[in-house]
Amino acid sequence: MTKLSHIAFADETNPGGSGRYGAFALLTMEKDECRKLNQNLEQFLVDNKISSEIKWKNVGKDQKYSKASIEFFSESLDFACREKLRIDVICW
């Protein structure tokens, strides 16, 4: 049996084609790096008193969501710059 070494997450926007643009994003990283990033991101939720997840519709409307989203982005970008996280996006 092959041991799992990497993890991938994918998401799309505008899948039904109702908007002007569509996009598909894929994030990949080593399993151990994913654990580290996940721990950091979970701590941002705790620090900002967010109980479950960041709802992007709340970013810009609620200070705690705005602050947490900036922390999420900064941490993810840091992982990407250190080549610990790969982000691929296709837009149409």
Protein backbone atom coordinates (compact mmCIF):
# COMPACT_ATOMS: atom_id res chain seq x y z
CA MET A 1 0.00 0.00 0.00
CA THR A 2 1.28 3.47 -0.90
CA LYS A 3 1.82 5.91 1.97
CA LEU A 4 0.08 9.26 1.60
CA SER A 5 2.72 12.00 1.27
CA HIS A 6 0.80 15.02 -0.08
CA ILE A 7 -2.60 16.62 0.39
CA ALA A 8 -4.58 18.69 -2.11
CA PHE A 9 -7.51 21.07 -1.63
CA ALA A 10 -9.59 22.43 -4.50
CA ASP A 11 -12.35 25.00 -4.86
CA GLU A 12 -14.14 26.77 -7.66
CA THR A 13 -15.96 30.02 -8.09
CA ASN A 14 -18.81 30.68 -10.46
CA PRO A 15 -19.27 27.02 -11.39
CA GLY A 16 -22.60 27.66 -13.09
CA GLY A 17 -21.22 30.39 -15.33
CA SER A 18 -23.58 33.08 -14.03
CA GLY A 19 -20.81 35.66 -13.54
CA ARG A 20 -18.30 37.28 -15.79
CA TYR A 21 -15.37 35.03 -14.81
CA GLY A 22 -14.85 31.60 -13.38
CA ALA A 23 -11.89 30.08 -11.57
CA PHE A 24 -10.63 26.81 -10.19
CA ALA A 25 -7.89 26.73 -7.54
CA LEU A 26 -5.81 23.82 -6.28
CA LEU A 27 -3.57 23.96 -3.20
CA THR A 28 -1.08 21.14 -2.66
CA MET A 29 1.47 20.49 0.06
CA GLU A 30 3.25 17.75 1.93
CA LYS A 31 1.13 16.12 4.61
CA ASP A 32 3.43 17.21 7.47
CA GLU A 33 3.48 20.82 6.26
CA CYS A 34 -0.31 20.74 6.06
CA ARG A 35 -0.48 19.83 9.76
CA LYS A 36 1.75 22.80 10.63
CA LEU A 37 -0.23 25.25 8.50
CA ASN A 38 -3.54 23.93 9.83
CA GLN A 39 -2.41 24.41 13.44
CA ASN A 40 -1.41 28.00 12.69
CA LEU A 41 -4.67 28.76 10.90
CA GLU A 42 -6.75 27.21 13.69
CA GLN A 43 -4.92 29.44 16.19
CA PHE A 44 -5.90 32.51 14.14
CA LEU A 45 -9.55 31.46 14.51
CA VAL A 46 -9.15 31.08 18.29
CA ASP A 47 -7.27 34.38 18.63
CA ASN A 48 -10.01 36.21 16.70
CA LYS A 49 -12.85 34.43 18.55
CA ILE A 50 -14.23 32.78 15.40
CA SER A 51 -15.95 29.52 16.27
CA SER A 52 -15.92 27.61 12.99
CA GLU A 53 -14.68 29.11 9.74
CA ILE A 54 -14.13 32.40 7.99
CA LYS A 55 -17.16 33.27 5.92
CA TRP A 56 -15.74 35.46 3.16
CA LYS A 57 -19.02 37.37 2.91
CA ASN A 58 -18.20 38.73 6.40
CA VAL A 59 -14.73 39.98 5.48
CA GLY A 60 -14.88 43.77 5.36
CA LYS A 61 -18.09 43.81 7.40
CA ASP A 62 -16.74 42.40 10.66
CA GLN A 63 -13.32 43.36 12.08
CA LYS A 64 -12.53 39.91 13.47
CA TYR A 65 -13.13 38.24 10.08
CA SER A 66 -11.09 40.90 8.31
CA LYS A 67 -8.16 40.48 10.72
CA ALA A 68 -8.28 36.68 10.54
CA SER A 69 -8.44 36.70 6.73
CA ILE A 70 -5.31 38.88 6.56
CA GLU A 71 -3.53 36.51 8.96
CA PHE A 72 -4.67 33.49 6.90
CA PHE A 73 -3.44 35.07 3.68
CA SER A 74 -0.10 36.16 5.17
CA GLU A 75 0.61 32.74 6.66
CA SER A 76 -0.37 30.90 3.47
CA LEU A 77 1.76 33.25 1.36
CA ASP A 78 4.69 32.66 3.69
CA PHE A 79 4.33 28.89 3.20
CA ALA A 80 4.12 29.38 -0.57
CA CYS A 81 7.21 31.64 -0.64
CA ARG A 82 9.15 28.98 1.26
CA GLU A 83 7.93 26.40 -1.31
CA LYS A 84 5.95 24.52 1.35
CA LEU A 85 2.64 25.20 -0.37
CA ARG A 86 1.80 25.28 -4.08
CA ILE A 87 -1.15 27.26 -5.39
CA ASP A 88 -2.42 26.74 -8.94
CA VAL A 89 -5.33 28.77 -10.36
CA ILE A 90 -7.10 28.53 -13.70
CA CYS A 91 -9.35 31.44 -14.68
CA TRP A 92 -11.74 31.67 -17.63
